């Protein structure tokens, strides 16, 4: 027990970095995914081809490979990024592609008549999206969005590949130093707590939007 308390501070420091990556990715990837999803509603084929290519590449290649490409390959063409910005950019681009597909599916379920009604009521395109489309789409896509968010919590463990001192790297360092599996079990418990908190938030938000049922 004393050993657990001895290594806990270093694991919590690693967990704080994990949460930092998680928060930054979430803040940027969901809005970007929404923008991409609505951009796909624009009737301009070149834009569709570009976005479809972006989504295909992001979803069709491993996230770890994307991390390695941005941090290790881009410097060869003069683009150098620190570890944390490189990780966040890779994650945001990857997860925005998934969120875009989720929101695109939600947008396409909204009847066209609602857009026409908004025009009759003289709603601007922005107000139509804000007050009519997004509330309904949010309700529809909420479970899928939170499934991705839970995946994001676990996927943040990949940043250790760039040498970022996250929870996984902290636990592996302690495990190798002390020849013990206890740090890995503690790291697993911390991940479970984070997933549990996301689940609680998801249920509260689903309850909040239940009036759309």
N, C-alpha and C. Protein backbone atom coordinates (compact mmCIF):
# COMPACT_ATOMS: atom_id res chain seq x y z
N UNK A 1 0.83 -1.21 0.00
CA UNK A 1 0.00 0.00 0.00
C UNK A 1 0.87 1.26 0.00
N UNK A 2 1.95 1.24 0.79
CA UNK A 2 2.84 2.40 0.84
C UNK A 2 3.47 2.66 -0.53
N UNK A 3 3.74 1.56 -1.27
CA UNK A 3 4.33 1.72 -2.60
C UNK A 3 3.35 2.42 -3.54
N UNK A 4 2.07 2.10 -3.42
CA UNK A 4 1.06 2.74 -4.26
C UNK A 4 1.02 4.24 -4.02
N UNK A 5 1.06 4.63 -2.74
CA UNK A 5 1.05 6.06 -2.42
C UNK A 5 2.36 6.74 -2.86
N UNK A 6 3.43 5.95 -2.91
CA UNK A 6 4.72 6.50 -3.32
C UNK A 6 4.74 6.86 -4.81
N UNK A 7 4.12 6.02 -5.63
CA UNK A 7 4.15 6.26 -7.08
C UNK A 7 2.95 7.06 -7.58
N UNK A 8 1.94 7.22 -6.72
CA UNK A 8 0.72 7.90 -7.15
C UNK A 8 0.96 9.34 -7.65
N UNK A 9 1.80 10.14 -6.98
CA UNK A 9 2.02 11.51 -7.49
C UNK A 9 2.52 11.56 -8.93
N UNK A 10 3.47 10.67 -9.28
CA UNK A 10 3.99 10.68 -10.65
C UNK A 10 2.92 10.24 -11.64
N UNK A 11 2.07 9.29 -11.23
CA UNK A 11 0.98 8.85 -12.10
C UNK A 11 -0.05 9.95 -12.29
N UNK A 12 -0.32 10.68 -11.23
CA UNK A 12 -1.29 11.78 -11.33
C UNK A 12 -0.74 12.91 -12.21
N UNK A 13 0.57 13.13 -12.15
CA UNK A 13 1.18 14.11 -13.06
C UNK A 13 1.00 13.68 -14.51
N UNK A 14 1.20 12.38 -14.74
CA UNK A 14 0.98 11.85 -16.08
C UNK A 14 -0.47 11.96 -16.49
N UNK A 15 -1.37 11.70 -15.54
CA UNK A 15 -2.81 11.80 -15.83
C UNK A 15 -3.21 13.23 -16.17
N UNK A 16 -2.55 14.21 -15.53
CA UNK A 16 -2.87 15.61 -15.84
C UNK A 16 -2.50 15.94 -17.28
N UNK A 17 -1.39 15.38 -17.77
CA UNK A 17 -1.03 15.58 -19.18
C UNK A 17 -2.02 14.88 -20.10
N UNK A 18 -2.44 13.68 -19.71
CA UNK A 18 -3.46 12.96 -20.49
C UNK A 18 -4.73 13.78 -20.59
N UNK A 19 -5.16 14.36 -19.47
CA UNK A 19 -6.37 15.19 -19.47
C UNK A 19 -6.19 16.45 -20.30
N UNK A 20 -4.99 17.00 -20.29
CA UNK A 20 -4.71 18.20 -21.09
C UNK A 20 -4.86 17.89 -22.58
N UNK A 21 -4.28 16.78 -23.00
CA UNK A 21 -4.41 16.37 -24.41
C UNK A 21 -5.87 16.11 -24.74
N UNK A 22 -6.55 15.39 -23.87
CA UNK A 22 -7.97 15.06 -24.07
C UNK A 22 -8.80 16.32 -24.24
N UNK A 23 -8.61 17.29 -23.34
CA UNK A 23 -9.41 18.51 -23.37
C UNK A 23 -9.15 19.32 -24.64
N UNK A 24 -7.88 19.47 -25.00
CA UNK A 24 -7.54 20.25 -26.19
C UNK A 24 -8.12 19.62 -27.45
N UNK A 25 -8.00 18.31 -27.54
CA UNK A 25 -8.52 17.61 -28.72
C UNK A 25 -10.03 17.76 -28.80
N UNK A 26 -10.70 17.61 -27.67
CA UNK A 26 -12.16 17.70 -27.64
C UNK A 26 -12.63 19.11 -28.03
N UNK A 27 -11.96 20.12 -27.49
CA UNK A 27 -12.34 21.51 -27.74
C UNK A 27 -12.26 21.86 -29.23
N UNK A 28 -11.26 21.31 -29.92
CA UNK A 28 -11.05 21.67 -31.32
C UNK A 28 -11.67 20.68 -32.31
N UNK A 29 -11.72 19.41 -31.96
CA UNK A 29 -12.16 18.41 -32.94
C UNK A 29 -13.67 18.41 -33.17
N UNK A 30 -14.47 18.63 -32.12
CA UNK A 30 -15.92 18.63 -32.31
C UNK A 30 -16.37 19.81 -33.17
N UNK A 31 -15.95 21.07 -32.85
CA UNK A 31 -16.33 22.17 -33.75
C UNK A 31 -15.85 21.97 -35.18
N UNK A 32 -14.61 21.47 -35.35
CA UNK A 32 -14.11 21.23 -36.70
C UNK A 32 -14.94 20.17 -37.41
N UNK A 33 -15.31 19.13 -36.68
CA UNK A 33 -16.15 18.09 -37.26
C UNK A 33 -17.50 18.63 -37.70
N UNK A 34 -18.09 19.52 -36.89
CA UNK A 34 -19.38 20.12 -37.24
C UNK A 34 -19.24 20.98 -38.50
N UNK A 35 -18.18 21.78 -38.56
CA UNK A 35 -17.94 22.63 -39.74
C UNK A 35 -17.78 21.77 -40.99
N UNK A 36 -17.01 20.70 -40.88
CA UNK A 36 -16.81 19.81 -42.04
C UNK A 36 -18.13 19.16 -42.45
N UNK A 37 -18.92 18.75 -41.47
CA UNK A 37 -20.21 18.12 -41.78
C UNK A 37 -21.13 19.07 -42.53
N UNK A 38 -21.18 20.32 -42.10
CA UNK A 38 -22.03 21.30 -42.80
C UNK A 38 -21.43 21.69 -44.15
N UNK A 39 -20.10 21.67 -44.24
CA UNK A 39 -19.47 21.97 -45.54
C UNK A 39 -19.85 20.93 -46.58
N UNK A 40 -20.10 19.71 -46.12
CA UNK A 40 -20.52 18.65 -47.04
C UNK A 40 -21.93 18.86 -47.58
N UNK A 41 -22.67 19.77 -46.96
CA UNK A 41 -24.02 20.07 -47.46
C UNK A 41 -23.98 21.10 -48.58
N UNK A 42 -22.82 21.72 -48.78
CA UNK A 42 -22.66 22.71 -49.86
C UNK A 42 -22.60 21.97 -51.20
N UNK A 43 -23.33 22.47 -52.17
CA UNK A 43 -23.39 21.79 -53.47
C UNK A 43 -22.24 22.25 -54.38
N UNK A 44 -21.05 21.82 -54.03
CA UNK A 44 -19.88 22.12 -54.85
C UNK A 44 -18.98 20.89 -54.83
N UNK A 45 -18.93 20.16 -55.93
CA UNK A 45 -18.27 18.86 -55.98
C UNK A 45 -16.79 18.88 -55.62
N UNK A 46 -16.01 19.87 -56.08
CA UNK A 46 -14.59 19.87 -55.67
C UNK A 46 -14.40 19.88 -54.16
N UNK A 47 -15.25 20.64 -53.45
CA UNK A 47 -15.17 20.66 -51.99
C UNK A 47 -15.51 19.29 -51.42
N UNK A 48 -16.53 18.64 -51.98
CA UNK A 48 -16.92 17.30 -51.53
C UNK A 48 -15.76 16.32 -51.72
N UNK A 49 -15.11 16.38 -52.87
CA UNK A 49 -14.00 15.46 -53.14
C UNK A 49 -12.86 15.66 -52.14
N UNK A 50 -12.54 16.91 -51.86
CA UNK A 50 -11.46 17.21 -50.91
C UNK A 50 -11.79 16.71 -49.51
N UNK A 51 -13.03 16.97 -49.07
CA UNK A 51 -13.42 16.55 -47.72
C UNK A 51 -13.49 15.03 -47.63
N UNK A 52 -14.05 14.40 -48.66
CA UNK A 52 -14.12 12.93 -48.66
C UNK A 52 -12.73 12.31 -48.64
N UNK A 53 -11.79 12.92 -49.35
CA UNK A 53 -10.41 12.43 -49.33
C UNK A 53 -9.80 12.57 -47.94
N UNK A 54 -10.02 13.73 -47.32
CA UNK A 54 -9.52 13.97 -45.96
C UNK A 54 -10.08 12.93 -44.98
N UNK A 55 -11.40 12.71 -45.04
CA UNK A 55 -12.04 11.76 -44.13
C UNK A 55 -11.53 10.34 -44.40
N UNK A 56 -11.37 10.00 -45.67
CA UNK A 56 -10.90 8.66 -46.05
C UNK A 56 -9.49 8.41 -45.51
N UNK A 57 -8.61 9.40 -45.64
CA UNK A 57 -7.23 9.24 -45.17
C UNK A 57 -7.20 9.15 -43.65
N UNK A 58 -7.92 10.03 -42.97
CA UNK A 58 -7.90 10.06 -41.50
C UNK A 58 -8.49 8.79 -40.89
N UNK A 59 -9.56 8.29 -41.49
CA UNK A 59 -10.22 7.10 -40.95
C UNK A 59 -9.58 5.81 -41.44
N UNK A 60 -8.84 5.90 -42.54
CA UNK A 60 -8.28 4.69 -43.15
C UNK A 60 -6.86 4.37 -42.75
N UNK A 61 -6.21 5.28 -42.01
CA UNK A 61 -4.84 5.03 -41.56
C UNK A 61 -4.80 5.07 -40.03
N UNK A 62 -3.89 4.31 -39.42
CA UNK A 62 -3.82 4.29 -37.95
C UNK A 62 -3.46 5.66 -37.38
N UNK A 63 -4.06 5.98 -36.26
CA UNK A 63 -3.76 7.24 -35.58
C UNK A 63 -2.29 7.32 -35.20
N UNK A 64 -1.73 6.19 -34.78
CA UNK A 64 -0.30 6.17 -34.41
C UNK A 64 0.56 6.58 -35.60
N UNK A 65 0.21 6.10 -36.79
CA UNK A 65 0.96 6.46 -37.99
C UNK A 65 0.84 7.96 -38.27
N UNK A 66 -0.33 8.52 -38.04
CA UNK A 66 -0.53 9.96 -38.24
C UNK A 66 0.30 10.77 -37.25
N UNK A 67 0.38 10.30 -36.01
CA UNK A 67 1.22 10.96 -35.01
C UNK A 67 2.68 10.96 -35.45
N UNK A 68 3.14 9.80 -35.88
CA UNK A 68 4.54 9.66 -36.32
C UNK A 68 4.81 10.55 -37.53
N UNK A 69 3.86 10.60 -38.46
CA UNK A 69 4.04 11.41 -39.67
C UNK A 69 4.19 12.89 -39.32
N UNK A 70 3.29 13.38 -38.47
CA UNK A 70 3.31 14.82 -38.15
C UNK A 70 4.55 15.20 -37.35
N UNK A 71 4.97 14.34 -36.42
CA UNK A 71 6.10 14.71 -35.56
C UNK A 71 7.45 14.39 -36.18
N UNK A 72 7.55 13.24 -36.88
CA UNK A 72 8.86 12.80 -37.37
C UNK A 72 9.09 13.06 -38.86
N UNK A 73 8.02 13.08 -39.66
CA UNK A 73 8.19 13.22 -41.11
C UNK A 73 8.12 14.68 -41.56
N UNK A 74 7.18 15.44 -41.00
CA UNK A 74 7.04 16.84 -41.42
C UNK A 74 8.32 17.67 -41.26
N UNK A 75 9.15 17.41 -40.23
CA UNK A 75 10.40 18.19 -40.14
C UNK A 75 11.29 18.06 -41.37
N UNK A 76 11.16 16.96 -42.11
CA UNK A 76 11.99 16.77 -43.31
C UNK A 76 11.63 17.76 -44.41
N UNK A 77 10.43 18.37 -44.32
CA UNK A 77 10.04 19.40 -45.30
C UNK A 77 9.98 20.78 -44.63
N UNK A 78 10.62 20.88 -43.47
CA UNK A 78 10.76 22.18 -42.82
C UNK A 78 9.66 22.55 -41.84
N UNK A 79 8.75 21.62 -41.56
CA UNK A 79 7.66 21.91 -40.60
C UNK A 79 7.99 21.20 -39.29
N UNK A 80 8.40 21.95 -38.30
CA UNK A 80 8.80 21.37 -37.01
C UNK A 80 7.81 21.78 -35.92
N UNK A 81 7.34 20.80 -35.20
CA UNK A 81 6.39 21.04 -34.12
C UNK A 81 6.90 20.39 -32.84
N UNK A 82 6.63 21.03 -31.71
CA UNK A 82 6.93 20.39 -30.43
C UNK A 82 6.02 19.19 -30.24
N UNK A 83 6.35 18.37 -29.26
CA UNK A 83 5.62 17.12 -29.06
C UNK A 83 4.12 17.33 -28.83
N UNK A 84 3.79 18.22 -27.90
CA UNK A 84 2.38 18.40 -27.55
C UNK A 84 1.57 18.96 -28.72
N UNK A 85 2.01 20.05 -29.37
CA UNK A 85 1.24 20.54 -30.53
C UNK A 85 1.10 19.49 -31.63
N UNK A 86 2.16 18.72 -31.87
CA UNK A 86 2.10 17.68 -32.90
C UNK A 86 1.04 16.64 -32.55
N UNK A 87 1.02 16.23 -31.29
CA UNK A 87 0.04 15.24 -30.85
C UNK A 87 -1.38 15.78 -30.96
N UNK A 88 -1.58 17.01 -30.50
CA UNK A 88 -2.92 17.60 -30.53
C UNK A 88 -3.41 17.76 -31.97
N UNK A 89 -2.55 18.23 -32.86
CA UNK A 89 -2.95 18.41 -34.26
C UNK A 89 -3.34 17.07 -34.89
N UNK A 90 -2.53 16.04 -34.64
CA UNK A 90 -2.83 14.72 -35.20
C UNK A 90 -4.17 14.20 -34.67
N UNK A 91 -4.38 14.33 -33.38
CA UNK A 91 -5.63 13.86 -32.79
C UNK A 91 -6.83 14.66 -33.30
N UNK A 92 -6.68 15.98 -33.38
CA UNK A 92 -7.79 16.82 -33.83
C UNK A 92 -8.18 16.47 -35.26
N UNK A 93 -7.20 16.35 -36.15
CA UNK A 93 -7.50 16.00 -37.54
C UNK A 93 -8.16 14.63 -37.64
N UNK A 94 -7.68 13.69 -36.83
CA UNK A 94 -8.24 12.35 -36.86
C UNK A 94 -9.67 12.32 -36.33
N UNK A 95 -9.87 12.86 -35.15
CA UNK A 95 -11.19 12.78 -34.53
C UNK A 95 -12.21 13.69 -35.20
N UNK A 96 -11.77 14.80 -35.77
CA UNK A 96 -12.69 15.66 -36.50
C UNK A 96 -13.30 14.92 -37.68
N UNK A 97 -12.52 14.04 -38.31
CA UNK A 97 -13.04 13.24 -39.42
C UNK A 97 -14.16 12.32 -38.95
N UNK A 98 -13.97 11.70 -37.80
CA UNK A 98 -15.02 10.81 -37.26
C UNK A 98 -16.25 11.61 -36.83
N UNK A 99 -16.02 12.74 -36.17
CA UNK A 99 -17.15 13.57 -35.75
C UNK A 99 -17.89 14.12 -36.97
N UNK A 100 -17.17 14.44 -38.03
CA UNK A 100 -17.81 14.95 -39.25
C UNK A 100 -18.78 13.92 -39.82
N UNK A 101 -18.35 12.67 -39.85
CA UNK A 101 -19.23 11.61 -40.36
C UNK A 101 -20.45 11.42 -39.46
N UNK A 102 -20.24 11.52 -38.16
CA UNK A 102 -21.36 11.38 -37.22
C UNK A 102 -22.36 12.51 -37.42
N UNK A 103 -21.87 13.74 -37.48
CA UNK A 103 -22.77 14.88 -37.64
C UNK A 103 -23.39 14.92 -39.03
N UNK A 104 -22.67 14.46 -40.04
CA UNK A 104 -23.26 14.40 -41.38
C UNK A 104 -24.48 13.48 -41.37
N UNK A 105 -24.34 12.32 -40.72
CA UNK A 105 -25.47 11.41 -40.62
C UNK A 105 -26.66 12.05 -39.92
N UNK A 106 -26.37 12.81 -38.84
CA UNK A 106 -27.45 13.49 -38.13
C UNK A 106 -28.11 14.56 -38.95
N UNK A 107 -27.31 15.35 -39.67
CA UNK A 107 -27.86 16.43 -40.49
C UNK A 107 -28.76 15.88 -41.59
N UNK A 108 -28.36 14.77 -42.17
CA UNK A 108 -29.13 14.21 -43.29
C UNK A 108 -30.46 13.61 -42.86
N UNK A 109 -30.66 13.43 -41.55
CA UNK A 109 -31.96 12.93 -41.08
C UNK A 109 -32.99 14.05 -40.90
N UNK A 110 -32.54 15.29 -40.92
CA UNK A 110 -33.45 16.42 -40.74
C UNK A 110 -34.25 16.64 -42.03
N UNK A 111 -35.58 16.65 -41.96
CA UNK A 111 -36.40 16.84 -43.16
C UNK A 111 -36.09 18.17 -43.84
N UNK A 112 -36.07 18.16 -45.18
CA UNK A 112 -35.79 19.38 -45.94
C UNK A 112 -36.85 20.46 -45.68
N UNK A 113 -38.05 20.02 -45.30
CA UNK A 113 -39.12 20.98 -45.03
C UNK A 113 -38.79 21.94 -43.91
N UNK A 114 -37.92 21.52 -42.98
CA UNK A 114 -37.56 22.41 -41.88
C UNK A 114 -36.68 23.56 -42.36
N UNK A 115 -35.83 23.29 -43.34
CA UNK A 115 -35.04 24.37 -43.93
C UNK A 115 -35.95 25.35 -44.67
N UNK A 116 -36.92 24.81 -45.39
CA UNK A 116 -37.85 25.66 -46.14
C UNK A 116 -38.69 26.51 -45.19
N UNK A 117 -39.12 25.90 -44.07
CA UNK A 117 -39.90 26.65 -43.08
C UNK A 117 -39.08 27.78 -42.48
N UNK A 118 -37.79 27.51 -42.25
CA UNK A 118 -36.91 28.55 -41.70
C UNK A 118 -36.77 29.72 -42.67
N UNK A 119 -36.72 29.41 -43.97
CA UNK A 119 -36.65 30.49 -44.97
C UNK A 119 -37.92 31.33 -44.96
N UNK A 120 -39.07 30.66 -44.84
CA UNK A 120 -40.35 31.37 -44.80
C UNK A 120 -40.39 32.31 -43.60
N UNK A 121 -39.82 31.85 -42.47
CA UNK A 121 -39.80 32.65 -41.25
C UNK A 121 -38.67 33.67 -41.25
N UNK A 122 -37.96 33.76 -42.38
CA UNK A 122 -36.86 34.73 -42.56
C UNK A 122 -35.70 34.51 -41.59
N UNK A 123 -35.44 33.24 -41.26
CA UNK A 123 -34.26 32.91 -40.47
C UNK A 123 -33.03 33.02 -41.36
N UNK A 124 -31.96 33.57 -40.82
CA UNK A 124 -30.69 33.56 -41.55
C UNK A 124 -30.14 32.13 -41.54
N UNK A 125 -29.22 31.80 -42.45
CA UNK A 125 -28.62 30.46 -42.43
C UNK A 125 -28.01 30.11 -41.08
N UNK A 126 -27.34 31.10 -40.46
CA UNK A 126 -26.72 30.85 -39.15
C UNK A 126 -27.78 30.54 -38.10
N UNK A 127 -28.86 31.33 -38.06
CA UNK A 127 -29.92 31.10 -37.08
C UNK A 127 -30.65 29.79 -37.34
N UNK A 128 -30.78 29.42 -38.61
CA UNK A 128 -31.41 28.14 -38.95
C UNK A 128 -30.62 26.99 -38.35
N UNK A 129 -29.30 27.06 -38.52
CA UNK A 129 -28.44 26.01 -37.97
C UNK A 129 -28.47 26.03 -36.45
N UNK A 130 -28.36 27.23 -35.88
CA UNK A 130 -28.25 27.36 -34.42
C UNK A 130 -29.52 26.96 -33.68
N UNK A 131 -30.67 27.42 -34.16
CA UNK A 131 -31.91 27.24 -33.39
C UNK A 131 -32.76 26.06 -33.86
N UNK A 132 -32.57 25.61 -35.09
CA UNK A 132 -33.45 24.55 -35.61
C UNK A 132 -32.70 23.24 -35.85
N UNK A 133 -31.57 23.33 -36.56
CA UNK A 133 -30.89 22.11 -36.97
C UNK A 133 -30.03 21.50 -35.86
N UNK A 134 -29.13 22.30 -35.30
CA UNK A 134 -28.18 21.75 -34.32
C UNK A 134 -28.83 21.11 -33.10
N UNK A 135 -29.88 21.72 -32.49
CA UNK A 135 -30.49 21.06 -31.33
C UNK A 135 -31.01 19.66 -31.65
N UNK A 136 -31.62 19.51 -32.83
CA UNK A 136 -32.13 18.19 -33.22
C UNK A 136 -30.99 17.22 -33.55
N UNK A 137 -30.00 17.73 -34.27
CA UNK A 137 -28.86 16.88 -34.63
C UNK A 137 -28.11 16.42 -33.38
N UNK A 138 -27.96 17.33 -32.42
CA UNK A 138 -27.25 16.99 -31.18
C UNK A 138 -27.91 15.82 -30.48
N UNK A 139 -29.23 15.85 -30.40
CA UNK A 139 -29.96 14.76 -29.77
C UNK A 139 -29.72 13.45 -30.51
N UNK A 140 -29.73 13.52 -31.83
CA UNK A 140 -29.59 12.31 -32.65
C UNK A 140 -28.19 11.70 -32.50
N UNK A 141 -27.17 12.55 -32.51
CA UNK A 141 -25.80 12.04 -32.57
C UNK A 141 -25.14 11.88 -31.21
N UNK A 142 -25.80 12.32 -30.15
CA UNK A 142 -25.17 12.33 -28.82
C UNK A 142 -24.56 10.98 -28.42
N UNK A 143 -25.29 9.86 -28.55
CA UNK A 143 -24.68 8.57 -28.16
C UNK A 143 -23.42 8.25 -28.96
N UNK A 144 -23.45 8.50 -30.26
CA UNK A 144 -22.28 8.22 -31.10
C UNK A 144 -21.11 9.13 -30.76
N UNK A 145 -21.42 10.40 -30.47
CA UNK A 145 -20.37 11.34 -30.10
C UNK A 145 -19.68 10.89 -28.82
N UNK A 146 -20.46 10.46 -27.84
CA UNK A 146 -19.86 10.05 -26.57
C UNK A 146 -19.11 8.73 -26.71
N UNK A 147 -19.52 7.87 -27.63
CA UNK A 147 -18.71 6.67 -27.90
C UNK A 147 -17.33 7.06 -28.40
N UNK A 148 -17.28 8.06 -29.28
CA UNK A 148 -15.99 8.54 -29.77
C UNK A 148 -15.18 9.20 -28.66
N UNK A 149 -15.87 9.93 -27.79
CA UNK A 149 -15.16 10.59 -26.68
C UNK A 149 -14.53 9.56 -25.75
N UNK A 150 -15.26 8.47 -25.51
CA UNK A 150 -14.69 7.39 -24.68
C UNK A 150 -13.47 6.77 -25.37
N UNK A 151 -13.55 6.61 -26.68
CA UNK A 151 -12.39 6.11 -27.42
C UNK A 151 -11.23 7.08 -27.31
N UNK A 152 -11.53 8.37 -27.33
CA UNK A 152 -10.49 9.39 -27.22
C UNK A 152 -9.75 9.29 -25.89
N UNK A 153 -10.49 9.05 -24.82
CA UNK A 153 -9.85 8.91 -23.50
C UNK A 153 -8.77 7.84 -23.56
N UNK A 154 -9.11 6.70 -24.18
CA UNK A 154 -8.15 5.59 -24.26
C UNK A 154 -7.05 5.85 -25.29
N UNK A 155 -7.42 6.48 -26.40
CA UNK A 155 -6.44 6.72 -27.46
C UNK A 155 -5.36 7.72 -27.06
N UNK A 156 -5.65 8.55 -26.06
CA UNK A 156 -4.62 9.50 -25.62
C UNK A 156 -3.35 8.78 -25.17
N UNK A 157 -3.47 7.50 -24.85
CA UNK A 157 -2.30 6.73 -24.43
C UNK A 157 -1.25 6.64 -25.55
N UNK A 158 -1.66 6.91 -26.80
CA UNK A 158 -0.72 6.82 -27.93
C UNK A 158 0.32 7.94 -27.91
N UNK A 159 0.06 9.01 -27.16
CA UNK A 159 1.01 10.13 -27.19
C UNK A 159 2.36 9.76 -26.58
N UNK A 160 2.40 8.65 -25.83
CA UNK A 160 3.68 8.24 -25.26
C UNK A 160 4.69 7.93 -26.37
N UNK A 161 4.18 7.60 -27.57
CA UNK A 161 5.07 7.30 -28.70
C UNK A 161 5.90 8.50 -29.11
N UNK A 162 5.42 9.70 -28.76
CA UNK A 162 6.18 10.92 -29.05
C UNK A 162 7.02 11.37 -27.86
N UNK A 163 7.03 10.56 -26.81
CA UNK A 163 7.82 10.90 -25.63
C UNK A 163 7.14 11.87 -24.69
N UNK A 164 5.83 12.03 -24.83
CA UNK A 164 5.08 12.92 -23.94
C UNK A 164 4.83 12.21 -22.62
N UNK A 165 5.06 12.91 -21.52
CA UNK A 165 4.96 12.30 -20.19
C UNK A 165 3.50 12.18 -19.76
N UNK A 166 2.80 11.26 -20.38
CA UNK A 166 1.39 11.04 -20.04
C UNK A 166 1.28 9.93 -19.01
N UNK A 167 0.06 9.50 -18.75
CA UNK A 167 -0.18 8.47 -17.73
C UNK A 167 0.50 7.16 -18.09
N UNK A 168 0.43 6.76 -19.35
CA UNK A 168 1.04 5.49 -19.76
C UNK A 168 2.56 5.53 -19.60
N UNK A 169 3.18 6.61 -20.05
CA UNK A 169 4.64 6.71 -19.94
C UNK A 169 5.06 6.74 -18.47
N UNK A 170 4.30 7.44 -17.63
CA UNK A 170 4.62 7.49 -16.20
C UNK A 170 4.52 6.11 -15.57
N UNK A 171 3.47 5.37 -15.93
CA UNK A 171 3.28 4.03 -15.35
C UNK A 171 4.34 3.06 -15.87
N UNK A 172 4.69 3.16 -17.16
CA UNK A 172 5.72 2.27 -17.71
C UNK A 172 7.08 2.57 -17.09
N UNK A 173 7.36 3.84 -16.87
CA UNK A 173 8.64 4.21 -16.25
C UNK A 173 8.74 3.62 -14.85
N UNK A 174 7.66 3.76 -14.07
CA UNK A 174 7.66 3.21 -12.71
C UNK A 174 7.72 1.69 -12.73
N UNK A 175 7.00 1.07 -13.67
CA UNK A 175 6.99 -0.39 -13.75
C UNK A 175 8.36 -0.93 -14.11
N UNK A 176 9.04 -0.30 -15.06
CA UNK A 176 10.38 -0.76 -15.47
C UNK A 176 11.41 -0.51 -14.37
N UNK A 177 11.27 0.63 -13.70
CA UNK A 177 12.23 0.98 -12.65
C UNK A 177 12.12 0.05 -11.46
N UNK A 178 10.88 -0.27 -11.07
CA UNK A 178 10.65 -1.05 -9.85
C UNK A 178 10.34 -2.51 -10.12
N UNK A 179 10.34 -2.92 -11.40
CA UNK A 179 10.02 -4.30 -11.77
C UNK A 179 8.71 -4.74 -11.12
N UNK A 180 7.68 -3.90 -11.31
CA UNK A 180 6.38 -4.16 -10.69
C UNK A 180 5.27 -3.84 -11.69
N UNK A 181 4.18 -4.61 -11.61
CA UNK A 181 3.01 -4.35 -12.45
C UNK A 181 2.00 -3.42 -11.78
N UNK A 182 2.25 -3.08 -10.53
CA UNK A 182 1.32 -2.22 -9.79
C UNK A 182 1.07 -0.89 -10.51
N UNK A 183 2.11 -0.21 -11.02
CA UNK A 183 1.85 1.06 -11.71
C UNK A 183 0.90 0.91 -12.90
N UNK A 184 1.00 -0.21 -13.62
CA UNK A 184 0.12 -0.42 -14.77
C UNK A 184 -1.33 -0.62 -14.32
N UNK A 185 -1.51 -1.36 -13.23
CA UNK A 185 -2.86 -1.55 -12.69
C UNK A 185 -3.45 -0.23 -12.20
N UNK A 186 -2.62 0.59 -11.57
CA UNK A 186 -3.09 1.90 -11.11
C UNK A 186 -3.46 2.79 -12.29
N UNK A 187 -2.66 2.73 -13.35
CA UNK A 187 -2.98 3.51 -14.56
C UNK A 187 -4.31 3.06 -15.14
N UNK A 188 -4.53 1.74 -15.16
CA UNK A 188 -5.80 1.22 -15.64
C UNK A 188 -6.97 1.72 -14.81
N UNK A 189 -6.77 1.77 -13.49
CA UNK A 189 -7.83 2.26 -12.60
C UNK A 189 -8.14 3.73 -12.87
N UNK A 190 -7.10 4.52 -13.13
CA UNK A 190 -7.31 5.95 -13.42
C UNK A 190 -8.07 6.12 -14.73
N UNK A 191 -7.73 5.31 -15.74
CA UNK A 191 -8.47 5.37 -17.00
C UNK A 191 -9.94 5.00 -16.79
N UNK A 192 -10.19 4.00 -15.96
CA UNK A 192 -11.57 3.59 -15.67
C UNK A 192 -12.34 4.73 -15.00
N UNK A 193 -11.68 5.45 -14.11
CA UNK A 193 -12.33 6.59 -13.46
C UNK A 193 -12.69 7.66 -14.49
N UNK A 194 -11.76 7.94 -15.40
CA UNK A 194 -12.03 8.95 -16.43
C UNK A 194 -13.18 8.52 -17.34
N UNK A 195 -13.19 7.25 -17.73
CA UNK A 195 -14.30 6.73 -18.55
C UNK A 195 -15.61 6.82 -17.79
N UNK A 196 -15.55 6.53 -16.49
CA UNK A 196 -16.76 6.62 -15.66
C UNK A 196 -17.32 8.03 -15.61
N UNK A 197 -16.43 9.02 -15.50
CA UNK A 197 -16.88 10.42 -15.48
C UNK A 197 -17.50 10.82 -16.81
N UNK A 198 -16.90 10.37 -17.91
CA UNK A 198 -17.48 10.66 -19.24
C UNK A 198 -18.86 10.02 -19.36
N UNK A 199 -19.01 8.81 -18.85
CA UNK A 199 -20.30 8.12 -18.90
C UNK A 199 -21.37 8.87 -18.13
N UNK A 200 -21.00 9.39 -16.96
CA UNK A 200 -21.96 10.17 -16.15
C UNK A 200 -22.40 11.41 -16.90
N UNK A 201 -21.45 12.13 -17.49
CA UNK A 201 -21.78 13.34 -18.27
C UNK A 201 -22.67 12.97 -19.45
N UNK A 202 -22.37 11.86 -20.11
CA UNK A 202 -23.16 11.43 -21.27
C UNK A 202 -24.61 11.18 -20.87
N UNK A 203 -24.81 10.49 -19.76
CA UNK A 203 -26.17 10.18 -19.31
C UNK A 203 -26.94 11.45 -18.94
N UNK A 204 -26.24 12.40 -18.31
CA UNK A 204 -26.91 13.65 -17.94
C UNK A 204 -27.32 14.44 -19.18
N UNK A 205 -26.45 14.49 -20.18
CA UNK A 205 -26.77 15.22 -21.41
C UNK A 205 -27.88 14.52 -22.20
N UNK A 206 -27.86 13.19 -22.23
CA UNK A 206 -28.92 12.47 -22.93
C UNK A 206 -30.27 12.72 -22.25
N UNK A 207 -30.25 12.82 -20.92
CA UNK A 207 -31.48 13.13 -20.20
C UNK A 207 -31.94 14.55 -20.50
N UNK A 208 -30.98 15.48 -20.61
CA UNK A 208 -31.31 16.87 -20.91
C UNK A 208 -31.98 17.00 -22.26
N UNK A 209 -31.52 16.23 -23.24
CA UNK A 209 -32.07 16.32 -24.59
C UNK A 209 -33.20 15.33 -24.84
N UNK A 210 -33.70 14.71 -23.78
CA UNK A 210 -34.76 13.70 -23.95
C UNK A 210 -36.07 14.31 -24.41
N UNK A 211 -36.24 15.64 -24.30
CA UNK A 211 -37.50 16.26 -24.72
C UNK A 211 -37.67 16.23 -26.23
N UNK A 212 -36.60 15.82 -26.97
CA UNK A 212 -36.74 15.71 -28.41
C UNK A 212 -37.28 14.34 -28.83
N UNK A 213 -37.48 13.45 -27.87
CA UNK A 213 -37.98 12.13 -28.23
C UNK A 213 -39.45 12.19 -28.61
